[in-house]
Amino acid sequence: MAMDMNRMMKQARKMQEQMTKAQQEVAEQEFTATAGGGAVEATVKGNMRLVSLKIDPEAVDPDDVEILQDMIVAAVNGAIEDAETTTNDRMNAITGGLNIPGMM
């Protein structure tokens, strides 16, 4: 029984190391999404920080700022969703879909 517990602890440590490495790798990845047919492009890192925002000058209409604001929000949220999906996919690949509290 002690051998089983030692093996389980060793596997848990290995899984935690893999998860930490995957989290670090994803944190450095960049995720880009566009909105308005490419008029707005947002790039975030896997750590959910916005690193780039590009706006096509033709998308800037002083009489309709709300549409531009909506496109910015949509592009940023799309990039964040991509980052979250990639993070979750990487964690699930390591844990086999197990929900391990405190490890994600």
N, C-alpha and C. Protein backbone atom coordinates (compact mmCIF):
# COMPACT_ATOMS: atom_id res chain seq x y z
N MET A 1 0.82 -1.19 0.00
CA MET A 1 0.00 0.00 0.00
C MET A 1 0.87 1.25 0.00
N ALA A 2 1.99 1.21 0.73
CA ALA A 2 2.90 2.35 0.75
C ALA A 2 3.50 2.58 -0.63
N MET A 3 3.75 1.51 -1.37
CA MET A 3 4.29 1.63 -2.72
C MET A 3 3.29 2.32 -3.64
N ASP A 4 2.02 1.96 -3.50
CA ASP A 4 0.98 2.59 -4.31
C ASP A 4 0.89 4.08 -4.01
N MET A 5 0.98 4.43 -2.73
CA MET A 5 0.90 5.83 -2.33
C MET A 5 2.12 6.59 -2.85
N ASN A 6 3.29 5.98 -2.76
CA ASN A 6 4.51 6.63 -3.28
C ASN A 6 4.41 6.83 -4.78
N ARG A 7 3.89 5.83 -5.49
CA ARG A 7 3.74 5.93 -6.94
C ARG A 7 2.73 7.02 -7.29
N MET A 8 1.64 7.09 -6.54
CA MET A 8 0.63 8.11 -6.79
C MET A 8 1.20 9.51 -6.53
N MET A 9 1.98 9.65 -5.48
CA MET A 9 2.59 10.95 -5.17
C MET A 9 3.57 11.35 -6.26
N LYS A 10 4.35 10.40 -6.73
CA LYS A 10 5.30 10.66 -7.80
C LYS A 10 4.57 11.09 -9.08
N GLN A 11 3.47 10.42 -9.40
CA GLN A 11 2.68 10.78 -10.57
C GLN A 11 2.06 12.16 -10.41
N ALA A 12 1.59 12.46 -9.20
CA ALA A 12 1.00 13.78 -8.95
C ALA A 12 2.04 14.88 -9.11
N ARG A 13 3.25 14.65 -8.60
CA ARG A 13 4.32 15.65 -8.76
C ARG A 13 4.66 15.84 -10.23
N LYS A 14 4.73 14.75 -10.97
CA LYS A 14 5.04 14.84 -12.40
C LYS A 14 3.94 15.61 -13.13
N MET A 15 2.67 15.33 -12.79
CA MET A 15 1.56 16.02 -13.42
C MET A 15 1.62 17.51 -13.10
N GLN A 16 1.93 17.84 -11.86
CA GLN A 16 2.01 19.24 -11.47
C GLN A 16 3.15 19.95 -12.21
N GLU A 17 4.28 19.27 -12.38
CA GLU A 17 5.40 19.85 -13.14
C GLU A 17 4.99 20.10 -14.59
N GLN A 18 4.28 19.13 -15.18
CA GLN A 18 3.83 19.28 -16.57
C GLN A 18 2.85 20.44 -16.69
N MET A 19 1.97 20.56 -15.72
CA MET A 19 0.98 21.64 -15.76
C MET A 19 1.65 23.00 -15.61
N THR A 20 2.62 23.09 -14.73
CA THR A 20 3.34 24.36 -14.54
C THR A 20 4.06 24.75 -15.82
N LYS A 21 4.72 23.77 -16.44
CA LYS A 21 5.42 24.04 -17.70
C LYS A 21 4.44 24.47 -18.79
N ALA A 22 3.32 23.79 -18.89
CA ALA A 22 2.31 24.14 -19.91
C ALA A 22 1.76 25.53 -19.66
N GLN A 23 1.49 25.87 -18.40
CA GLN A 23 0.98 27.21 -18.08
C GLN A 23 1.99 28.28 -18.48
N GLN A 24 3.28 28.01 -18.23
CA GLN A 24 4.31 28.98 -18.61
C GLN A 24 4.39 29.13 -20.12
N GLU A 25 4.30 28.02 -20.83
CA GLU A 25 4.36 28.06 -22.29
C GLU A 25 3.18 28.83 -22.87
N VAL A 26 1.98 28.54 -22.37
CA VAL A 26 0.78 29.23 -22.87
C VAL A 26 0.83 30.71 -22.53
N ALA A 27 1.37 31.05 -21.36
CA ALA A 27 1.45 32.46 -20.94
C ALA A 27 2.27 33.28 -21.93
N GLU A 28 3.22 32.66 -22.61
CA GLU A 28 4.06 33.36 -23.57
C GLU A 28 3.50 33.35 -24.99
N GLN A 29 2.51 32.49 -25.24
CA GLN A 29 1.91 32.44 -26.57
C GLN A 29 1.07 33.69 -26.82
N GLU A 30 0.94 34.04 -28.09
CA GLU A 30 0.08 35.15 -28.47
C GLU A 30 -1.13 34.63 -29.22
N PHE A 31 -2.27 35.25 -28.94
CA PHE A 31 -3.54 34.88 -29.55
C PHE A 31 -4.14 36.13 -30.17
N THR A 32 -4.50 36.04 -31.44
CA THR A 32 -5.01 37.20 -32.17
C THR A 32 -6.43 36.91 -32.67
N ALA A 33 -7.28 37.91 -32.54
CA ALA A 33 -8.64 37.82 -33.07
C ALA A 33 -8.98 39.14 -33.75
N THR A 34 -9.89 39.06 -34.70
CA THR A 34 -10.30 40.27 -35.42
C THR A 34 -11.81 40.45 -35.30
N ALA A 35 -12.24 41.66 -35.59
CA ALA A 35 -13.67 41.98 -35.62
C ALA A 35 -13.90 42.99 -36.73
N GLY A 36 -15.14 43.10 -37.15
CA GLY A 36 -15.47 44.07 -38.20
C GLY A 36 -14.79 43.74 -39.51
N GLY A 37 -14.71 42.45 -39.83
CA GLY A 37 -14.08 42.05 -41.09
C GLY A 37 -12.60 42.39 -41.14
N GLY A 38 -11.96 42.40 -39.99
CA GLY A 38 -10.54 42.70 -39.92
C GLY A 38 -10.23 44.15 -39.63
N ALA A 39 -11.24 44.97 -39.43
CA ALA A 39 -11.02 46.39 -39.15
C ALA A 39 -10.33 46.60 -37.81
N VAL A 40 -10.55 45.66 -36.88
CA VAL A 40 -9.90 45.73 -35.57
C VAL A 40 -9.24 44.38 -35.31
N GLU A 41 -8.00 44.43 -34.87
CA GLU A 41 -7.25 43.23 -34.56
C GLU A 41 -6.66 43.37 -33.16
N ALA A 42 -6.92 42.39 -32.30
CA ALA A 42 -6.39 42.42 -30.94
C ALA A 42 -5.53 41.19 -30.71
N THR A 43 -4.41 41.37 -30.03
CA THR A 43 -3.53 40.27 -29.68
C THR A 43 -3.32 40.29 -28.18
N VAL A 44 -3.54 39.11 -27.57
CA VAL A 44 -3.29 38.96 -26.14
C VAL A 44 -2.29 37.83 -25.94
N LYS A 45 -1.59 37.88 -24.83
CA LYS A 45 -0.73 36.76 -24.44
C LYS A 45 -1.58 35.77 -23.66
N GLY A 46 -1.05 34.59 -23.48
CA GLY A 46 -1.77 33.56 -22.73
C GLY A 46 -2.02 33.93 -21.29
N ASN A 47 -1.32 34.93 -20.79
CA ASN A 47 -1.55 35.41 -19.43
C ASN A 47 -2.67 36.44 -19.38
N MET A 48 -3.41 36.55 -20.49
CA MET A 48 -4.59 37.41 -20.63
C MET A 48 -4.27 38.90 -20.64
N ARG A 49 -3.08 39.26 -21.06
CA ARG A 49 -2.69 40.66 -21.17
C ARG A 49 -2.73 41.08 -22.62
N LEU A 50 -3.39 42.20 -22.89
CA LEU A 50 -3.46 42.77 -24.23
C LEU A 50 -2.08 43.30 -24.59
N VAL A 51 -1.53 42.85 -25.72
CA VAL A 51 -0.20 43.30 -26.13
C VAL A 51 -0.22 44.12 -27.41
N SER A 52 -1.32 44.02 -28.17
CA SER A 52 -1.38 44.76 -29.42
C SER A 52 -2.83 44.99 -29.81
N LEU A 53 -3.08 46.20 -30.32
CA LEU A 53 -4.41 46.54 -30.83
C LEU A 53 -4.21 47.35 -32.10
N LYS A 54 -4.73 46.82 -33.20
CA LYS A 54 -4.61 47.51 -34.49
C LYS A 54 -6.00 47.89 -34.97
N ILE A 55 -6.12 49.14 -35.44
CA ILE A 55 -7.40 49.63 -35.93
C ILE A 55 -7.18 50.20 -37.33
N ASP A 56 -7.92 49.68 -38.28
CA ASP A 56 -7.87 50.20 -39.64
C ASP A 56 -8.41 51.63 -39.61
N PRO A 57 -7.65 52.59 -40.15
CA PRO A 57 -8.11 53.99 -40.12
C PRO A 57 -9.50 54.18 -40.71
N GLU A 58 -9.89 53.33 -41.65
CA GLU A 58 -11.22 53.45 -42.25
C GLU A 58 -12.33 53.07 -41.26
N ALA A 59 -11.95 52.39 -40.17
CA ALA A 59 -12.95 51.99 -39.17
C ALA A 59 -13.27 53.14 -38.22
N VAL A 60 -12.48 54.20 -38.30
CA VAL A 60 -12.67 55.34 -37.40
C VAL A 60 -13.65 56.32 -38.02
N ASP A 61 -14.85 56.28 -37.52
CA ASP A 61 -15.90 57.20 -37.97
C ASP A 61 -16.30 58.05 -36.77
N PRO A 62 -15.90 59.33 -36.75
CA PRO A 62 -16.19 60.17 -35.58
C PRO A 62 -17.68 60.26 -35.27
N ASP A 63 -18.51 59.99 -36.25
CA ASP A 63 -19.96 60.06 -36.02
C ASP A 63 -20.53 58.74 -35.48
N ASP A 64 -19.71 57.70 -35.45
CA ASP A 64 -20.21 56.41 -34.97
C ASP A 64 -19.12 55.68 -34.18
N VAL A 65 -18.72 56.26 -33.07
CA VAL A 65 -17.68 55.69 -32.22
C VAL A 65 -18.13 54.38 -31.58
N GLU A 66 -19.42 54.23 -31.36
CA GLU A 66 -19.93 53.03 -30.69
C GLU A 66 -19.60 51.75 -31.46
N ILE A 67 -19.69 51.80 -32.78
CA ILE A 67 -19.37 50.60 -33.57
C ILE A 67 -17.90 50.24 -33.39
N LEU A 68 -17.02 51.21 -33.41
CA LEU A 68 -15.60 50.95 -33.20
C LEU A 68 -15.37 50.37 -31.81
N GLN A 69 -16.01 50.92 -30.82
CA GLN A 69 -15.87 50.39 -29.45
C GLN A 69 -16.33 48.93 -29.39
N ASP A 70 -17.45 48.63 -30.03
CA ASP A 70 -17.96 47.26 -30.05
C ASP A 70 -16.98 46.31 -30.74
N MET A 71 -16.37 46.77 -31.85
CA MET A 71 -15.41 45.94 -32.56
C MET A 71 -14.18 45.67 -31.70
N ILE A 72 -13.74 46.68 -30.97
CA ILE A 72 -12.57 46.51 -30.08
C ILE A 72 -12.89 45.48 -29.01
N VAL A 73 -14.02 45.62 -28.37
CA VAL A 73 -14.42 44.67 -27.33
C VAL A 73 -14.51 43.26 -27.90
N ALA A 74 -15.12 43.12 -29.07
CA ALA A 74 -15.27 41.80 -29.69
C ALA A 74 -13.92 41.18 -30.02
N ALA A 75 -13.00 41.96 -30.56
CA ALA A 75 -11.69 41.44 -30.92
C ALA A 75 -10.90 41.03 -29.68
N VAL A 76 -10.91 41.87 -28.65
CA VAL A 76 -10.18 41.55 -27.42
C VAL A 76 -10.78 40.30 -26.77
N ASN A 77 -12.09 40.26 -26.66
CA ASN A 77 -12.72 39.09 -26.05
C ASN A 77 -12.47 37.82 -26.85
N GLY A 78 -12.45 37.93 -28.17
CA GLY A 78 -12.16 36.77 -29.01
C GLY A 78 -10.75 36.24 -28.77
N ALA A 79 -9.79 37.13 -28.65
CA ALA A 79 -8.41 36.71 -28.39
C ALA A 79 -8.29 36.07 -27.01
N ILE A 80 -8.96 36.66 -26.02
CA ILE A 80 -8.93 36.10 -24.66
C ILE A 80 -9.57 34.71 -24.64
N GLU A 81 -10.68 34.55 -25.34
CA GLU A 81 -11.35 33.25 -25.40
C GLU A 81 -10.43 32.20 -26.04
N ASP A 82 -9.70 32.59 -27.09
CA ASP A 82 -8.75 31.67 -27.71
C ASP A 82 -7.66 31.26 -26.72
N ALA A 83 -7.16 32.21 -25.95
CA ALA A 83 -6.13 31.92 -24.96
C ALA A 83 -6.67 30.99 -23.88
N GLU A 84 -7.88 31.26 -23.42
CA GLU A 84 -8.48 30.41 -22.38
C GLU A 84 -8.72 28.99 -22.89
N THR A 85 -9.20 28.88 -24.13
CA THR A 85 -9.45 27.56 -24.71
C THR A 85 -8.16 26.77 -24.82
N THR A 86 -7.10 27.42 -25.29
CA THR A 86 -5.81 26.74 -25.42
C THR A 86 -5.30 26.30 -24.05
N THR A 87 -5.42 27.17 -23.05
CA THR A 87 -4.98 26.82 -21.69
C THR A 87 -5.77 25.62 -21.19
N ASN A 88 -7.08 25.66 -21.32
CA ASN A 88 -7.91 24.54 -20.85
C ASN A 88 -7.60 23.25 -21.59
N ASP A 89 -7.40 23.34 -22.89
CA ASP A 89 -7.06 22.15 -23.69
C ASP A 89 -5.74 21.54 -23.22
N ARG A 90 -4.74 22.41 -22.97
CA ARG A 90 -3.43 21.91 -22.51
C ARG A 90 -3.54 21.25 -21.15
N MET A 91 -4.31 21.86 -20.24
CA MET A 91 -4.46 21.29 -18.90
C MET A 91 -5.22 19.97 -18.96
N ASN A 92 -6.28 19.90 -19.78
CA ASN A 92 -7.05 18.67 -19.91
C ASN A 92 -6.22 17.55 -20.52
N ALA A 93 -5.31 17.89 -21.43
CA ALA A 93 -4.44 16.88 -22.02
C ALA A 93 -3.52 16.28 -20.97
N ILE A 94 -3.12 17.09 -20.01
CA ILE A 94 -2.22 16.60 -18.95
C ILE A 94 -2.99 15.82 -17.90
N THR A 95 -4.15 16.32 -17.49
CA THR A 95 -4.90 15.70 -16.40
C THR A 95 -5.89 14.64 -16.87
N GLY A 96 -6.04 14.51 -18.17
CA GLY A 96 -7.02 13.56 -18.68
C GLY A 96 -8.44 14.00 -18.39
N GLY A 97 -8.63 15.29 -18.21
CA GLY A 97 -9.96 15.84 -17.95
C GLY A 97 -10.35 15.83 -16.49
N LEU A 98 -9.46 15.35 -15.62
CA LEU A 98 -9.76 15.36 -14.18
C LEU A 98 -9.78 16.79 -13.68
N ASN A 99 -10.71 17.10 -12.81
CA ASN A 99 -10.77 18.42 -12.19
C ASN A 99 -9.97 18.34 -10.90
N ILE A 100 -8.76 18.91 -10.93
CA ILE A 100 -7.88 18.84 -9.77
C ILE A 100 -7.82 20.22 -9.14
N PRO A 101 -8.52 20.41 -8.01
CA PRO A 101 -8.55 21.73 -7.37
C PRO A 101 -7.15 22.20 -7.01
N GLY A 102 -6.92 23.49 -7.20
CA GLY A 102 -5.65 24.08 -6.83
C GLY A 102 -4.53 23.89 -7.82
N MET A 103 -4.75 23.10 -8.87
CA MET A 103 -3.69 22.83 -9.83
C MET A 103 -3.88 23.63 -11.11
N MET A 104 -5.00 24.33 -11.26
CA MET A 104 -5.22 25.11 -12.47
C MET A 104 -5.44 26.54 -12.13
